[in-house]
Amino acid sequence: MRRSRGRDRKRARSNAGPRLRWKRWLIATLVAPPLAFGTGYAVAAYVIFPAVAEEPTGLVAVPRLHGSTREEAERELTGLGLAIESVVEYPHQTARAGTVIAQSPLPGQRLQPGAAVRLAVSSGRPQLQVPDLVGLPYETAARVAEQLGFTVTRRDEAAPGTTGLVFRSEPAPGTQRELPAAITLFVVAAPDAAAPELTAPGAVPDSTVAERL
């Protein structure tokens, strides 16, 4: 009797094993898809496609100020509720003095009302003093002047000093000029060939008189 009961318990345990494995598989099958979907959604929502923060309302678009005068730029910014933080001046080859050549932030960017904009304004064409080139050979003086932005013209004139050296310039050294500017270099000319000896009409050359004697 006891043996039959033991065999029944063994059969019950052996039959329960497949049923338990089947239940686990069924649970895993039902739970895995929602869990995978939830994980994928979380990755997509928070990593790949994060939510975009809403832009605050009431922002002001920065206008394009390039080419405006400082006064015009200030009036336009003030009318939009913006201000000027700072203004710096830089020489510019083509922009008129007092006109805006750069700005920060750039046009189109949006700022809170009351925010400030930085401006760069042209101070006009770059200026430079005429260098002192007196005493230099013309080739050297011309090269220096051209590298500084001057257009060079040469004039040879009779003057004391070594042939080929610069003895004067126009404008004079130290004169302030807007670039590009012209400069004339005056160079000591080569001495003229010896002039032939002139004889008065009817006079007899000294060499002829000597021969007659």
Protein backbone atom coordinates (compact mmCIF):
# COMPACT_ATOMS: atom_id res chain seq x y z
CA MET A 1 0.00 0.00 0.00
CA ARG A 2 2.79 2.37 0.93
CA ARG A 3 4.65 1.49 -2.23
CA SER A 4 1.66 2.34 -4.39
CA ARG A 5 1.32 5.73 -2.67
CA GLY A 6 5.01 6.51 -3.32
CA ARG A 7 4.64 5.61 -6.95
CA ASP A 8 1.60 7.91 -7.21
CA ARG A 9 3.56 10.82 -5.73
CA LYS A 10 6.42 10.28 -8.18
CA ARG A 11 3.99 10.20 -11.10
CA ALA A 12 2.38 13.44 -9.87
CA ARG A 13 5.76 15.17 -9.64
CA SER A 14 6.85 13.93 -13.04
CA ASN A 15 3.58 15.15 -14.59
CA ALA A 16 3.89 18.53 -12.82
CA GLY A 17 7.31 19.20 -14.39
CA PRO A 18 6.11 19.62 -18.00
CA ARG A 19 3.08 21.61 -16.84
CA LEU A 20 5.34 23.99 -14.87
CA ARG A 21 7.70 24.51 -17.80
CA TRP A 22 4.73 25.13 -20.08
CA LYS A 23 3.37 27.78 -17.71
CA ARG A 24 6.76 29.54 -17.54
CA TRP A 25 7.02 29.56 -21.33
CA LEU A 26 3.49 30.93 -21.63
CA ILE A 27 4.21 33.70 -19.12
CA ALA A 28 7.47 34.60 -20.89
CA THR A 29 5.67 34.67 -24.24
CA LEU A 30 2.99 36.99 -22.93
CA VAL A 31 5.30 39.32 -20.99
CA ALA A 32 8.28 39.61 -23.40
CA PRO A 33 6.57 41.53 -26.29
CA PRO A 34 5.10 44.31 -24.11
CA LEU A 35 8.41 44.61 -22.25
CA ALA A 36 10.39 44.85 -25.51
CA PHE A 37 7.91 47.37 -26.90
CA GLY A 38 8.13 49.48 -23.77
CA THR A 39 11.93 49.44 -23.84
CA GLY A 40 12.03 50.41 -27.52
CA TYR A 41 9.52 53.18 -27.01
CA ALA A 42 11.51 54.60 -24.12
CA VAL A 43 14.72 54.58 -26.17
CA ALA A 44 13.00 56.25 -29.12
CA ALA A 45 11.17 58.81 -27.00
CA TYR A 46 14.02 59.87 -24.74
CA VAL A 47 17.20 59.12 -26.71
CA ILE A 48 16.58 59.14 -30.47
CA PHE A 49 13.69 61.63 -30.60
CA PRO A 50 13.84 63.64 -27.37
CA ALA A 51 11.06 66.09 -26.75
CA VAL A 52 11.81 69.59 -28.01
CA ALA A 53 11.54 72.27 -25.39
CA GLU A 54 8.91 74.81 -26.21
CA GLU A 55 10.35 78.17 -27.29
CA PRO A 56 9.48 80.97 -24.90
CA THR A 57 6.92 83.40 -26.24
CA GLY A 58 7.52 87.10 -26.76
CA LEU A 59 11.05 86.76 -28.22
CA VAL A 60 12.37 89.47 -30.58
CA ALA A 61 14.16 88.68 -33.85
CA VAL A 62 17.48 90.53 -34.24
CA PRO A 63 17.34 92.77 -37.35
CA ARG A 64 20.02 93.04 -40.02
CA LEU A 65 22.04 96.16 -39.20
CA HIS A 66 24.92 95.85 -41.71
CA GLY A 67 25.33 99.09 -43.66
CA SER A 68 23.25 101.18 -41.24
CA THR A 69 24.78 104.09 -39.40
CA ARG A 70 25.27 103.75 -35.68
CA GLU A 71 22.36 106.12 -35.04
CA GLU A 72 20.04 104.19 -37.39
CA ALA A 73 20.97 100.90 -35.76
CA GLU A 74 20.32 102.30 -32.29
CA ARG A 75 16.89 103.63 -33.30
CA GLU A 76 15.90 100.30 -34.87
CA LEU A 77 17.01 98.27 -31.86
CA THR A 78 15.30 100.62 -29.43
CA GLY A 79 12.07 100.35 -31.41
CA LEU A 80 12.19 96.55 -31.07
CA GLY A 81 12.84 96.67 -27.34
CA LEU A 82 16.54 95.79 -27.65
CA ALA A 83 19.65 97.73 -26.63
CA ILE A 84 23.27 98.23 -27.70
CA GLU A 85 25.79 96.56 -25.42
CA SER A 86 29.01 97.89 -26.96
CA VAL A 87 30.39 99.48 -30.13
CA VAL A 88 33.94 98.95 -31.44
CA GLU A 89 35.55 100.66 -34.43
CA TYR A 90 37.73 99.03 -37.08
CA PRO A 91 39.25 100.45 -40.28
CA HIS A 92 37.57 99.20 -43.44
CA GLN A 93 38.70 99.50 -47.03
CA THR A 94 35.26 100.28 -48.52
CA ALA A 95 32.69 100.96 -45.76
CA ARG A 96 32.04 104.59 -44.90
CA ALA A 97 33.10 105.75 -41.47
CA GLY A 98 30.31 105.29 -38.92
CA THR A 99 28.49 102.43 -40.70
CA VAL A 100 27.91 99.01 -39.14
CA ILE A 101 30.18 96.29 -40.56
CA ALA A 102 29.40 93.44 -38.10
CA GLN A 103 26.98 92.53 -35.34
CA SER A 104 26.43 89.91 -32.64
CA PRO A 105 24.01 88.13 -32.34
CA LEU A 106 23.51 87.59 -36.06
CA PRO A 107 20.34 88.69 -37.86
CA GLY A 108 17.36 86.41 -37.30
CA GLN A 109 18.37 85.14 -33.88
CA ARG A 110 15.70 85.62 -31.23
CA LEU A 111 16.32 87.42 -27.94
CA GLN A 112 14.38 88.27 -24.85
CA PRO A 113 13.09 91.87 -24.80
CA GLY A 114 15.70 94.13 -23.24
CA ALA A 115 18.64 92.02 -24.43
CA ALA A 116 21.67 93.81 -25.90
CA VAL A 117 23.43 93.60 -29.28
CA ARG A 118 27.14 94.24 -29.93
CA LEU A 119 28.16 96.28 -32.99
CA ALA A 120 31.35 96.83 -34.99
CA VAL A 121 31.49 100.14 -36.88
CA SER A 122 33.83 101.28 -39.64
CA SER A 123 36.32 103.98 -38.74
CA GLY A 124 36.98 104.63 -42.43
CA ARG A 125 39.80 103.59 -44.70
CA PRO A 126 43.00 102.53 -42.96
CA GLN A 127 45.50 105.35 -42.49
CA LEU A 128 49.29 105.25 -42.37
CA GLN A 129 52.13 107.73 -42.04
CA VAL A 130 54.40 108.19 -45.04
CA PRO A 131 57.66 106.39 -44.15
CA ASP A 132 61.03 108.11 -44.21
CA LEU A 133 62.73 106.63 -47.28
CA VAL A 134 65.37 109.31 -47.83
CA GLY A 135 68.85 107.86 -48.30
CA LEU A 136 67.66 104.44 -49.51
CA PRO A 137 68.28 103.08 -52.99
CA TYR A 138 65.20 103.61 -55.11
CA GLU A 139 64.47 99.87 -55.52
CA THR A 140 64.51 99.30 -51.76
CA ALA A 141 62.45 102.42 -51.01
CA ALA A 142 59.85 101.55 -53.63
CA ARG A 143 59.51 97.99 -52.34
CA VAL A 144 58.96 99.20 -48.76
CA ALA A 145 56.38 101.79 -49.82
CA GLU A 146 54.45 99.32 -51.98
CA GLN A 147 54.35 96.73 -49.19
CA LEU A 148 52.78 99.37 -46.94
CA GLY A 149 50.06 100.10 -49.52
CA PHE A 150 51.47 103.12 -51.39
CA THR A 151 51.54 103.52 -55.15
CA VAL A 152 55.04 104.71 -56.10
CA THR A 153 56.10 107.15 -58.83
CA ARG A 154 59.78 107.84 -59.60
CA ARG A 155 61.31 111.17 -60.59
CA ASP A 156 65.01 111.55 -61.31
CA GLU A 157 66.46 115.01 -60.64
CA ALA A 158 69.90 116.52 -60.45
CA ALA A 159 70.84 116.76 -56.80
CA PRO A 160 73.90 116.36 -54.64
CA GLY A 161 74.47 112.86 -53.38
CA THR A 162 74.93 109.34 -54.65
CA THR A 163 73.23 108.43 -57.92
CA GLY A 164 70.14 106.25 -57.47
CA LEU A 165 69.41 107.22 -53.86
CA VAL A 166 66.13 108.83 -52.75
CA PHE A 167 66.69 112.40 -51.57
CA ARG A 168 63.07 113.56 -51.17
CA SER A 169 59.49 112.28 -51.17
CA GLU A 170 56.05 113.78 -51.67
CA PRO A 171 54.11 113.68 -49.38
CA ALA A 172 56.84 114.31 -46.84
CA PRO A 173 57.74 111.61 -44.29
CA GLY A 174 55.33 111.54 -41.35
CA THR A 175 52.33 112.78 -43.32
CA GLN A 176 49.13 110.84 -42.56
CA ARG A 177 47.44 109.32 -45.62
CA GLU A 178 44.43 107.07 -46.24
CA LEU A 179 45.41 103.88 -48.03
CA PRO A 180 45.81 103.19 -50.85
CA ALA A 181 47.72 106.43 -51.46
CA ALA A 182 50.28 107.70 -53.95
CA ILE A 183 53.85 108.72 -53.13
CA THR A 184 56.49 110.24 -55.38
CA LEU A 185 60.13 109.41 -54.74
CA PHE A 186 62.76 111.84 -56.02
CA VAL A 187 66.00 110.11 -56.96
CA VAL A 188 69.49 111.57 -57.52
CA ALA A 189 69.99 111.51 -61.28
CA ALA A 190 73.17 110.33 -62.95
CA PRO A 191 75.51 113.24 -63.80
CA ASP A 192 75.29 114.48 -67.39
CA ALA A 193 78.12 113.68 -69.80
CA ALA A 194 80.81 116.40 -69.96
CA ALA A 195 79.63 119.22 -72.25
CA PRO A 196 81.87 119.90 -75.30
CA GLU A 197 84.08 122.99 -75.03
CA LEU A 198 82.51 125.92 -76.88
CA THR A 199 84.64 128.29 -79.03
CA ALA A 200 83.71 131.82 -80.02
CA PRO A 201 83.15 132.46 -83.78
CA GLY A 202 86.38 133.30 -85.63
CA ALA A 203 88.61 132.31 -82.75
CA VAL A 204 91.52 129.99 -83.36
CA PRO A 205 91.72 126.96 -81.10
CA ASP A 206 94.70 126.90 -78.77
CA SER A 207 95.94 123.67 -80.27
CA THR A 208 96.16 125.27 -83.73
CA VAL A 209 98.11 128.25 -82.36
CA ALA A 210 100.53 125.88 -80.69
CA GLU A 211 101.11 123.99 -83.92
CA ARG A 212 101.85 127.22 -85.80
CA LEU A 213 104.41 128.20 -83.24
